[in-house]
Amino acid sequence: MWALGDEQTRLAIEAAHERAIQRVLERIECHIAVIR
């Protein structure tokens, strides 16, 4: 969908992609990354 969609579709997919990356990084930072 991202490659073949219109501009609005591509932007929506890219925004969802950004949100997913941010959520993963937040989860890693809050629950996984520790200094021992």
PDB file of all heavy atoms in Angstrom:
ATOM      1  N   MET A   1       0.816  -1.192   0.000  1.00  0.00           N
ATOM      2  CA  MET A   1       0.000   0.000   0.000  1.00  0.00           C
ATOM      3  C   MET A   1       0.862   1.259   0.000  1.00  0.00           C
ATOM      4  O   MET A   1       0.502   2.234  -0.630  1.00  0.00           O
ATOM      5  CB  MET A   1      -0.916   0.013   1.218  1.00  0.00           C
ATOM      6  CG  MET A   1      -2.039  -0.987   1.148  1.00  0.00           C
ATOM      7  SD  MET A   1      -3.093  -0.954   2.619  1.00  0.00           S
ATOM      8  CE  MET A   1      -3.702   0.681   2.594  1.00  0.00           C
ATOM      9  N   TRP A   2       1.962   1.210   0.744  1.00  0.00           N
ATOM     10  CA  TRP A   2       2.815   2.397   0.821  1.00  0.00           C
ATOM     11  C   TRP A   2       3.381   2.747  -0.546  1.00  0.00           C
ATOM     12  O   TRP A   2       3.383   3.903  -0.954  1.00  0.00           O
ATOM     13  CB  TRP A   2       3.941   2.162   1.826  1.00  0.00           C
ATOM     14  CG  TRP A   2       4.955   3.257   1.836  1.00  0.00           C
ATOM     15  CD1 TRP A   2       4.834   4.473   2.438  1.00  0.00           C
ATOM     16  CD2 TRP A   2       6.222   3.255   1.207  1.00  0.00           C
ATOM     17  NE1 TRP A   2       5.946   5.230   2.216  1.00  0.00           N
ATOM     18  CE2 TRP A   2       6.828   4.502   1.451  1.00  0.00           C
ATOM     19  CE3 TRP A   2       6.916   2.320   0.446  1.00  0.00           C
ATOM     20  CZ2 TRP A   2       8.077   4.829   0.980  1.00  0.00           C
ATOM     21  CZ3 TRP A   2       8.163   2.646  -0.018  1.00  0.00           C
ATOM     22  CH2 TRP A   2       8.736   3.892   0.247  1.00  0.00           C
ATOM     23  N   ALA A   3       3.866   1.762  -1.275  1.00  0.00           N
ATOM     24  CA  ALA A   3       4.520   2.030  -2.556  1.00  0.00           C
ATOM     25  C   ALA A   3       3.528   2.406  -3.649  1.00  0.00           C
ATOM     26  O   ALA A   3       3.844   3.214  -4.512  1.00  0.00           O
ATOM     27  CB  ALA A   3       5.309   0.804  -2.998  1.00  0.00           C
ATOM     28  N   LEU A   4       2.346   1.855  -3.624  1.00  0.00           N
ATOM     29  CA  LEU A   4       1.391   2.059  -4.713  1.00  0.00           C
ATOM     30  C   LEU A   4       0.259   3.014  -4.366  1.00  0.00           C
ATOM     31  O   LEU A   4      -0.530   3.368  -5.238  1.00  0.00           O
ATOM     32  CB  LEU A   4       0.810   0.709  -5.150  1.00  0.00           C
ATOM     33  CG  LEU A   4       1.854  -0.322  -5.619  1.00  0.00           C
ATOM     34  CD1 LEU A   4       1.199  -1.651  -5.900  1.00  0.00           C
ATOM     35  CD2 LEU A   4       2.619   0.190  -6.825  1.00  0.00           C
ATOM     36  N   GLY A   5       0.168   3.412  -3.123  1.00  0.00           N
ATOM     37  CA  GLY A   5      -0.927   4.271  -2.700  1.00  0.00           C
ATOM     38  C   GLY A   5      -0.749   5.710  -3.155  1.00  0.00           C
ATOM     39  O   GLY A   5       0.334   6.125  -3.574  1.00  0.00           O
ATOM     40  N   ASP A   6      -1.825   6.468  -3.028  1.00  0.00           N
ATOM     41  CA  ASP A   6      -1.754   7.893  -3.348  1.00  0.00           C
ATOM     42  C   ASP A   6      -1.007   8.617  -2.217  1.00  0.00           C
ATOM     43  O   ASP A   6      -0.622   8.012  -1.221  1.00  0.00           O
ATOM     44  CB  ASP A   6      -3.146   8.478  -3.573  1.00  0.00           C
ATOM     45  CG  ASP A   6      -4.058   8.338  -2.360  1.00  0.00           C
ATOM     46  OD1 ASP A   6      -3.558   8.167  -1.239  1.00  0.00           O
ATOM     47  OD2 ASP A   6      -5.282   8.418  -2.536  1.00  0.00           O
ATOM     48  N   GLU A   7      -0.801   9.901  -2.380  1.00  0.00           N
ATOM     49  CA  GLU A   7      -0.019  10.687  -1.413  1.00  0.00           C
ATOM     50  C   GLU A   7      -0.609  10.595  -0.001  1.00  0.00           C
ATOM     51  O   GLU A   7       0.115  10.423   0.976  1.00  0.00           O
ATOM     52  CB  GLU A   7       0.055  12.148  -1.867  1.00  0.00           C
ATOM     53  CG  GLU A   7       0.903  13.027  -0.977  1.00  0.00           C
ATOM     54  CD  GLU A   7       2.391  12.741  -1.064  1.00  0.00           C
ATOM     55  OE1 GLU A   7       2.837  12.048  -1.989  1.00  0.00           O
ATOM     56  OE2 GLU A   7       3.125  13.212  -0.171  1.00  0.00           O
ATOM     57  N   GLN A   8      -1.917  10.692   0.112  1.00  0.00           N
ATOM     58  CA  GLN A   8      -2.573  10.644   1.423  1.00  0.00           C
ATOM     59  C   GLN A   8      -2.353   9.274   2.086  1.00  0.00           C
ATOM     60  O   GLN A   8      -2.071   9.199   3.283  1.00  0.00           O
ATOM     61  CB  GLN A   8      -4.069  10.929   1.277  1.00  0.00           C
ATOM     62  CG  GLN A   8      -4.793  10.972   2.592  1.00  0.00           C
ATOM     63  CD  GLN A   8      -6.264  11.325   2.421  1.00  0.00           C
ATOM     64  OE1 GLN A   8      -6.741  11.560   1.312  1.00  0.00           O
ATOM     65  NE2 GLN A   8      -6.974  11.354   3.516  1.00  0.00           N
ATOM     66  N   THR A   9      -2.447   8.203   1.312  1.00  0.00           N
ATOM     67  CA  THR A   9      -2.220   6.860   1.849  1.00  0.00           C
ATOM     68  C   THR A   9      -0.774   6.698   2.309  1.00  0.00           C
ATOM     69  O   THR A   9      -0.517   6.185   3.398  1.00  0.00           O
ATOM     70  CB  THR A   9      -2.552   5.795   0.790  1.00  0.00           C
ATOM     71  OG1 THR A   9      -3.923   5.950   0.401  1.00  0.00           O
ATOM     72  CG2 THR A   9      -2.316   4.390   1.305  1.00  0.00           C
ATOM     73  N   ARG A  10       0.168   7.138   1.486  1.00  0.00           N
ATOM     74  CA  ARG A  10       1.589   7.035   1.866  1.00  0.00           C
ATOM     75  C   ARG A  10       1.880   7.807   3.146  1.00  0.00           C
ATOM     76  O   ARG A  10       2.575   7.321   4.032  1.00  0.00           O
ATOM     77  CB  ARG A  10       2.486   7.531   0.725  1.00  0.00           C
ATOM     78  CG  ARG A  10       2.636   6.529  -0.394  1.00  0.00           C
ATOM     79  CD  ARG A  10       3.761   6.891  -1.336  1.00  0.00           C
ATOM     80  NE  ARG A  10       3.612   8.208  -1.920  1.00  0.00           N
ATOM     81  CZ  ARG A  10       2.902   8.491  -3.016  1.00  0.00           C
ATOM     82  NH1 ARG A  10       2.274   7.525  -3.655  1.00  0.00           N
ATOM     83  NH2 ARG A  10       2.834   9.716  -3.480  1.00  0.00           N
ATOM     84  N   LEU A  11       1.325   9.018   3.244  1.00  0.00           N
ATOM     85  CA  LEU A  11       1.554   9.822   4.454  1.00  0.00           C
ATOM     86  C   LEU A  11       0.974   9.159   5.697  1.00  0.00           C
ATOM     87  O   LEU A  11       1.575   9.181   6.768  1.00  0.00           O
ATOM     88  CB  LEU A  11       0.997  11.230   4.269  1.00  0.00           C
ATOM     89  CG  LEU A  11       1.752  12.108   3.262  1.00  0.00           C
ATOM     90  CD1 LEU A  11       1.014  13.433   3.070  1.00  0.00           C
ATOM     91  CD2 LEU A  11       3.179  12.333   3.703  1.00  0.00           C
ATOM     92  N   ALA A  12      -0.200   8.556   5.557  1.00  0.00           N
ATOM     93  CA  ALA A  12      -0.831   7.867   6.696  1.00  0.00           C
ATOM     94  C   ALA A  12       0.009   6.663   7.120  1.00  0.00           C
ATOM     95  O   ALA A  12       0.211   6.427   8.317  1.00  0.00           O
ATOM     96  CB  ALA A  12      -2.243   7.425   6.331  1.00  0.00           C
ATOM     97  N   ILE A  13       0.522   5.918   6.159  1.00  0.00           N
ATOM     98  CA  ILE A  13       1.349   4.753   6.479  1.00  0.00           C
ATOM     99  C   ILE A  13       2.658   5.190   7.112  1.00  0.00           C
ATOM    100  O   ILE A  13       3.117   4.590   8.088  1.00  0.00           O
ATOM    101  CB  ILE A  13       1.576   3.894   5.221  1.00  0.00           C
ATOM    102  CG1 ILE A  13       0.258   3.226   4.823  1.00  0.00           C
ATOM    103  CG2 ILE A  13       2.670   2.852   5.447  1.00  0.00           C
ATOM    104  CD1 ILE A  13       0.272   2.550   3.477  1.00  0.00           C
ATOM    105  N   GLU A  14       3.272   6.244   6.592  1.00  0.00           N
ATOM    106  CA  GLU A  14       4.508   6.745   7.177  1.00  0.00           C
ATOM    107  C   GLU A  14       4.290   7.255   8.595  1.00  0.00           C
ATOM    108  O   GLU A  14       5.134   7.042   9.471  1.00  0.00           O
ATOM    109  CB  GLU A  14       5.106   7.835   6.288  1.00  0.00           C
ATOM    110  CG  GLU A  14       5.683   7.282   5.006  1.00  0.00           C
ATOM    111  CD  GLU A  14       6.133   8.359   4.034  1.00  0.00           C
ATOM    112  OE1 GLU A  14       6.211   9.543   4.417  1.00  0.00           O
ATOM    113  OE2 GLU A  14       6.420   8.002   2.877  1.00  0.00           O
ATOM    114  N   ALA A  15       3.158   7.893   8.851  1.00  0.00           N
ATOM    115  CA  ALA A  15       2.853   8.366  10.208  1.00  0.00           C
ATOM    116  C   ALA A  15       2.682   7.180  11.163  1.00  0.00           C
ATOM    117  O   ALA A  15       3.179   7.206  12.291  1.00  0.00           O
ATOM    118  CB  ALA A  15       1.600   9.238  10.196  1.00  0.00           C
ATOM    119  N   ALA A  16       2.000   6.128  10.713  1.00  0.00           N
ATOM    120  CA  ALA A  16       1.835   4.931  11.547  1.00  0.00           C
ATOM    121  C   ALA A  16       3.192   4.261  11.790  1.00  0.00           C
ATOM    122  O   ALA A  16       3.461   3.782  12.897  1.00  0.00           O
ATOM    123  CB  ALA A  16       0.869   3.957  10.876  1.00  0.00           C
ATOM    124  N   HIS A  17       4.023   4.238  10.778  1.00  0.00           N
ATOM    125  CA  HIS A  17       5.380   3.680  10.889  1.00  0.00           C
ATOM    126  C   HIS A  17       6.179   4.449  11.947  1.00  0.00           C
ATOM    127  O   HIS A  17       6.829   3.848  12.808  1.00  0.00           O
ATOM    128  CB  HIS A  17       6.040   3.759   9.505  1.00  0.00           C
ATOM    129  CG  HIS A  17       7.386   3.147   9.407  1.00  0.00           C
ATOM    130  ND1 HIS A  17       7.586   1.788   9.336  1.00  0.00           N
ATOM    131  CD2 HIS A  17       8.622   3.712   9.351  1.00  0.00           C
ATOM    132  CE1 HIS A  17       8.876   1.543   9.242  1.00  0.00           C
ATOM    133  NE2 HIS A  17       9.528   2.688   9.250  1.00  0.00           N
ATOM    134  N   GLU A  18       6.108   5.770  11.909  1.00  0.00           N
ATOM    135  CA  GLU A  18       6.800   6.617  12.900  1.00  0.00           C
ATOM    136  C   GLU A  18       6.301   6.332  14.312  1.00  0.00           C
ATOM    137  O   GLU A  18       7.095   6.204  15.244  1.00  0.00           O
ATOM    138  CB  GLU A  18       6.583   8.101  12.585  1.00  0.00           C
ATOM    139  CG  GLU A  18       7.418   8.627  11.463  1.00  0.00           C
ATOM    140  CD  GLU A  18       8.893   8.646  11.810  1.00  0.00           C
ATOM    141  OE1 GLU A  18       9.260   8.940  12.955  1.00  0.00           O
ATOM    142  OE2 GLU A  18       9.682   8.346  10.902  1.00  0.00           O
ATOM    143  N   ARG A  19       4.979   6.254  14.473  1.00  0.00           N
ATOM    144  CA  ARG A  19       4.409   5.968  15.798  1.00  0.00           C
ATOM    145  C   ARG A  19       4.880   4.616  16.320  1.00  0.00           C
ATOM    146  O   ARG A  19       5.208   4.469  17.494  1.00  0.00           O
ATOM    147  CB  ARG A  19       2.885   6.019  15.754  1.00  0.00           C
ATOM    148  CG  ARG A  19       2.323   7.421  15.790  1.00  0.00           C
ATOM    149  CD  ARG A  19       0.826   7.454  16.047  1.00  0.00           C
ATOM    150  NE  ARG A  19       0.060   6.626  15.130  1.00  0.00           N
ATOM    151  CZ  ARG A  19      -0.393   7.007  13.934  1.00  0.00           C
ATOM    152  NH1 ARG A  19      -0.135   8.220  13.495  1.00  0.00           N
ATOM    153  NH2 ARG A  19      -1.094   6.192  13.177  1.00  0.00           N
ATOM    154  N   ALA A  20       4.933   3.627  15.446  1.00  0.00           N
ATOM    155  CA  ALA A  20       5.366   2.296  15.858  1.00  0.00           C
ATOM    156  C   ALA A  20       6.824   2.322  16.331  1.00  0.00           C
ATOM    157  O   ALA A  20       7.157   1.722  17.361  1.00  0.00           O
ATOM    158  CB  ALA A  20       5.195   1.306  14.711  1.00  0.00           C
ATOM    159  N   ILE A  21       7.668   3.012  15.602  1.00  0.00           N
ATOM    160  CA  ILE A  21       9.077   3.107  15.994  1.00  0.00           C
ATOM    161  C   ILE A  21       9.199   3.807  17.340  1.00  0.00           C
ATOM    162  O   ILE A  21       9.944   3.345  18.221  1.00  0.00           O
ATOM    163  CB  ILE A  21       9.899   3.839  14.916  1.00  0.00           C
ATOM    164  CG1 ILE A  21      10.001   2.964  13.662  1.00  0.00           C
ATOM    165  CG2 ILE A  21      11.290   4.205  15.433  1.00  0.00           C
ATOM    166  CD1 ILE A  21      10.547   3.693  12.455  1.00  0.00           C
ATOM    167  N   GLN A  22       8.491   4.891  17.530  1.00  0.00           N
ATOM    168  CA  GLN A  22       8.549   5.618  18.801  1.00  0.00           C
ATOM    169  C   GLN A  22       8.074   4.749  19.959  1.00  0.00           C
ATOM    170  O   GLN A  22       8.679   4.751  21.033  1.00  0.00           O
ATOM    171  CB  GLN A  22       7.732   6.911  18.724  1.00  0.00           C
ATOM    172  CG  GLN A  22       8.348   7.956  17.847  1.00  0.00           C
ATOM    173  CD  GLN A  22       9.768   8.306  18.261  1.00  0.00           C
ATOM    174  OE1 GLN A  22      10.084   8.451  19.429  1.00  0.00           O
ATOM    175  NE2 GLN A  22      10.646   8.407  17.283  1.00  0.00           N
ATOM    176  N   ARG A  23       7.013   3.998  19.759  1.00  0.00           N
ATOM    177  CA  ARG A  23       6.496   3.138  20.833  1.00  0.00           C
ATOM    178  C   ARG A  23       7.489   2.039  21.190  1.00  0.00           C
ATOM    179  O   ARG A  23       7.670   1.717  22.368  1.00  0.00           O
ATOM    180  CB  ARG A  23       5.149   2.550  20.442  1.00  0.00           C
ATOM    181  CG  ARG A  23       4.080   3.653  20.385  1.00  0.00           C
ATOM    182  CD  ARG A  23       2.710   3.130  20.385  1.00  0.00           C
ATOM    183  NE  ARG A  23       2.453   2.429  21.630  1.00  0.00           N
ATOM    184  CZ  ARG A  23       1.386   1.680  21.828  1.00  0.00           C
ATOM    185  NH1 ARG A  23       0.486   1.554  20.890  1.00  0.00           N
ATOM    186  NH2 ARG A  23       1.211   1.054  22.971  1.00  0.00           N
ATOM    187  N   VAL A  24       8.133   1.459  20.189  1.00  0.00           N
ATOM    188  CA  VAL A  24       9.134   0.419  20.461  1.00  0.00           C
ATOM    189  C   VAL A  24      10.302   1.004  21.240  1.00  0.00           C
ATOM    190  O   VAL A  24      10.754   0.424  22.229  1.00  0.00           O
ATOM    191  CB  VAL A  24       9.607  -0.240  19.144  1.00  0.00           C
ATOM    192  CG1 VAL A  24      10.863  -1.071  19.371  1.00  0.00           C
ATOM    193  CG2 VAL A  24       8.499  -1.095  18.557  1.00  0.00           C
ATOM    194  N   LEU A  25      10.793   2.168  20.814  1.00  0.00           N
ATOM    195  CA  LEU A  25      11.907   2.794  21.533  1.00  0.00           C
ATOM    196  C   LEU A  25      11.518   3.155  22.964  1.00  0.00           C
ATOM    197  O   LEU A  25      12.314   2.977  23.889  1.00  0.00           O
ATOM    198  CB  LEU A  25      12.399   4.032  20.782  1.00  0.00           C
ATOM    199  CG  LEU A  25      13.195   3.745  19.515  1.00  0.00           C
ATOM    200  CD1 LEU A  25      13.496   5.037  18.769  1.00  0.00           C
ATOM    201  CD2 LEU A  25      14.481   3.005  19.846  1.00  0.00           C
ATOM    202  N   GLU A  26      10.302   3.652  23.165  1.00  0.00           N
ATOM    203  CA  GLU A  26       9.837   3.971  24.515  1.00  0.00           C
ATOM    204  C   GLU A  26       9.787   2.717  25.375  1.00  0.00           C
ATOM    205  O   GLU A  26      10.188   2.738  26.542  1.00  0.00           O
ATOM    206  CB  GLU A  26       8.462   4.628  24.466  1.00  0.00           C
ATOM    207  CG  GLU A  26       8.487   6.046  23.941  1.00  0.00           C
ATOM    208  CD  GLU A  26       7.094   6.593  23.646  1.00  0.00           C
ATOM    209  OE1 GLU A  26       6.092   5.905  23.927  1.00  0.00           O
ATOM    210  OE2 GLU A  26       7.027   7.711  23.114  1.00  0.00           O
ATOM    211  N   ARG A  27       9.307   1.621  24.810  1.00  0.00           N
ATOM    212  CA  ARG A  27       9.219   0.370  25.571  1.00  0.00           C
ATOM    213  C   ARG A  27      10.625  -0.125  25.941  1.00  0.00           C
ATOM    214  O   ARG A  27      10.866  -0.543  27.073  1.00  0.00           O
ATOM    215  CB  ARG A  27       8.476  -0.686  24.767  1.00  0.00           C
ATOM    216  CG  ARG A  27       8.334  -1.983  25.502  1.00  0.00           C
ATOM    217  CD  ARG A  27       7.194  -2.802  24.968  1.00  0.00           C
ATOM    218  NE  ARG A  27       7.094  -4.076  25.629  1.00  0.00           N
ATOM    219  CZ  ARG A  27       6.561  -4.285  26.819  1.00  0.00           C
ATOM    220  NH1 ARG A  27       6.082  -3.271  27.501  1.00  0.00           N
ATOM    221  NH2 ARG A  27       6.506  -5.484  27.343  1.00  0.00           N
ATOM    222  N   ILE A  28      11.538  -0.082  24.983  1.00  0.00           N
ATOM    223  CA  ILE A  28      12.919  -0.490  25.273  1.00  0.00           C
ATOM    224  C   ILE A  28      13.503   0.382  26.367  1.00  0.00           C
ATOM    225  O   ILE A  28      14.114  -0.108  27.317  1.00  0.00           O
ATOM    226  CB  ILE A  28      13.780  -0.432  23.994  1.00  0.00           C
ATOM    227  CG1 ILE A  28      13.368  -1.542  23.024  1.00  0.00           C
ATOM    228  CG2 ILE A  28      15.262  -0.554  24.333  1.00  0.00           C
ATOM    229  CD1 ILE A  28      13.989  -1.412  21.652  1.00  0.00           C
ATOM    230  N   GLU A  29      13.304   1.687  26.255  1.00  0.00           N
ATOM    231  CA  GLU A  29      13.884   2.619  27.213  1.00  0.00           C
ATOM    232  C   GLU A  29      13.291   2.432  28.608  1.00  0.00           C
ATOM    233  O   GLU A  29      14.006   2.503  29.603  1.00  0.00           O
ATOM    234  CB  GLU A  29      13.633   4.052  26.730  1.00  0.00           C
ATOM    235  CG  GLU A  29      14.601   5.056  27.268  1.00  0.00           C
ATOM    236  CD  GLU A  29      14.522   6.374  26.512  1.00  0.00           C
ATOM    237  OE1 GLU A  29      13.404   6.813  26.177  1.00  0.00           O
ATOM    238  OE2 GLU A  29      15.576   6.947  26.258  1.00  0.00           O
ATOM    239  N   CYS A  30      12.005   2.161  28.710  1.00  0.00           N
ATOM    240  CA  CYS A  30      11.335   2.057  30.016  1.00  0.00           C
ATOM    241  C   CYS A  30      11.421   0.670  30.647  1.00  0.00           C
ATOM    242  O   CYS A  30      11.391   0.553  31.867  1.00  0.00           O
ATOM    243  CB  CYS A  30       9.871   2.444  29.882  1.00  0.00           C
ATOM    244  SG  CYS A  30       9.626   4.181  29.539  1.00  0.00           S
ATOM    245  N   HIS A  31      11.481  -0.378  29.837  1.00  0.00           N
ATOM    246  CA  HIS A  31      11.337  -1.718  30.397  1.00  0.00           C
ATOM    247  C   HIS A  31      12.516  -2.654  30.141  1.00  0.00           C
ATOM    248  O   HIS A  31      12.595  -3.708  30.753  1.00  0.00           O
ATOM    249  CB  HIS A  31      10.074  -2.389  29.851  1.00  0.00           C
ATOM    250  CG  HIS A  31       8.827  -1.638  30.170  1.00  0.00           C
ATOM    251  ND1 HIS A  31       8.289  -1.574  31.429  1.00  0.00           N
ATOM    252  CD2 HIS A  31       8.030  -0.870  29.392  1.00  0.00           C
ATOM    253  CE1 HIS A  31       7.206  -0.823  31.417  1.00  0.00           C
ATOM    254  NE2 HIS A  31       7.031  -0.380  30.189  1.00  0.00           N
ATOM    255  N   ILE A  32      13.389  -2.305  29.227  1.00  0.00           N
ATOM    256  CA  ILE A  32      14.445  -3.246  28.857  1.00  0.00           C
ATOM    257  C   ILE A  32      15.837  -2.707  29.154  1.00  0.00           C
ATOM    258  O   ILE A  32      16.666  -3.404  29.723  1.00  0.00           O
ATOM    259  CB  ILE A  32      14.319  -3.644  27.374  1.00  0.00           C
ATOM    260  CG1 ILE A  32      12.967  -4.354  27.153  1.00  0.00           C
ATOM    261  CG2 ILE A  32      15.478  -4.528  26.939  1.00  0.00           C
ATOM    262  CD1 ILE A  32      12.614  -4.577  25.714  1.00  0.00           C
ATOM    263  N   ALA A  33      16.102  -1.468  28.757  1.00  0.00           N
ATOM    264  CA  ALA A  33      17.448  -0.902  28.913  1.00  0.00           C
ATOM    265  C   ALA A  33      17.736  -0.619  30.378  1.00  0.00           C
ATOM    266  O   ALA A  33      17.011   0.116  31.036  1.00  0.00           O
ATOM    267  CB  ALA A  33      17.576   0.385  28.098  1.00  0.00           C
ATOM    268  N   VAL A  34      18.783  -1.235  30.880  1.00  0.00           N
ATOM    269  CA  VAL A  34      19.225  -0.970  32.250  1.00  0.00           C
ATOM    270  C   VAL A  34      20.746  -0.895  32.271  1.00  0.00           C
ATOM    271  O   VAL A  34      21.423  -1.483  31.441  1.00  0.00           O
ATOM    272  CB  VAL A  34      18.768  -2.049  33.261  1.00  0.00           C
ATOM    273  CG1 VAL A  34      17.273  -2.066  33.415  1.00  0.00           C
ATOM    274  CG2 VAL A  34      19.297  -3.408  32.896  1.00  0.00           C
ATOM    275  N   ILE A  35      21.246  -0.149  33.218  1.00  0.00           N
ATOM    276  CA  ILE A  35      22.676  -0.102  33.485  1.00  0.00           C
ATOM    277  C   ILE A  35      22.894  -0.867  34.781  1.00  0.00           C
ATOM    278  O   ILE A  35      22.246  -0.577  35.787  1.00  0.00           O
ATOM    279  CB  ILE A  35      23.161   1.347  33.627  1.00  0.00           C
ATOM    280  CG1 ILE A  35      22.961   2.085  32.308  1.00  0.00           C
ATOM    281  CG2 ILE A  35      24.625   1.379  34.052  1.00  0.00           C
ATOM    282  CD1 ILE A  35      23.213   3.571  32.413  1.00  0.00           C
ATOM    283  N   ARG A  36      23.758  -1.858  34.718  1.00  0.00           N
ATOM    284  CA  ARG A  36      24.063  -2.650  35.916  1.00  0.00           C
ATOM    285  C   ARG A  36      25.407  -2.206  36.454  1.00  0.00           C
ATOM    286  O   ARG A  36      26.345  -1.989  35.712  1.00  0.00           O
ATOM    287  CB  ARG A  36      24.114  -4.126  35.549  1.00  0.00           C
ATOM    288  CG  ARG A  36      22.762  -4.635  35.064  1.00  0.00           C
ATOM    289  CD  ARG A  36      22.845  -6.059  34.633  1.00  0.00           C
ATOM    290  NE  ARG A  36      23.228  -6.862  35.789  1.00  0.00           N
ATOM    291  CZ  ARG A  36      23.369  -8.167  35.755  1.00  0.00           C
ATOM    292  NH1 ARG A  36      23.182  -8.830  34.650  1.00  0.00           N
ATOM    293  NH2 ARG A  36      23.722  -8.829  36.851  1.00  0.00           N
TER     294      ARG A  36
END
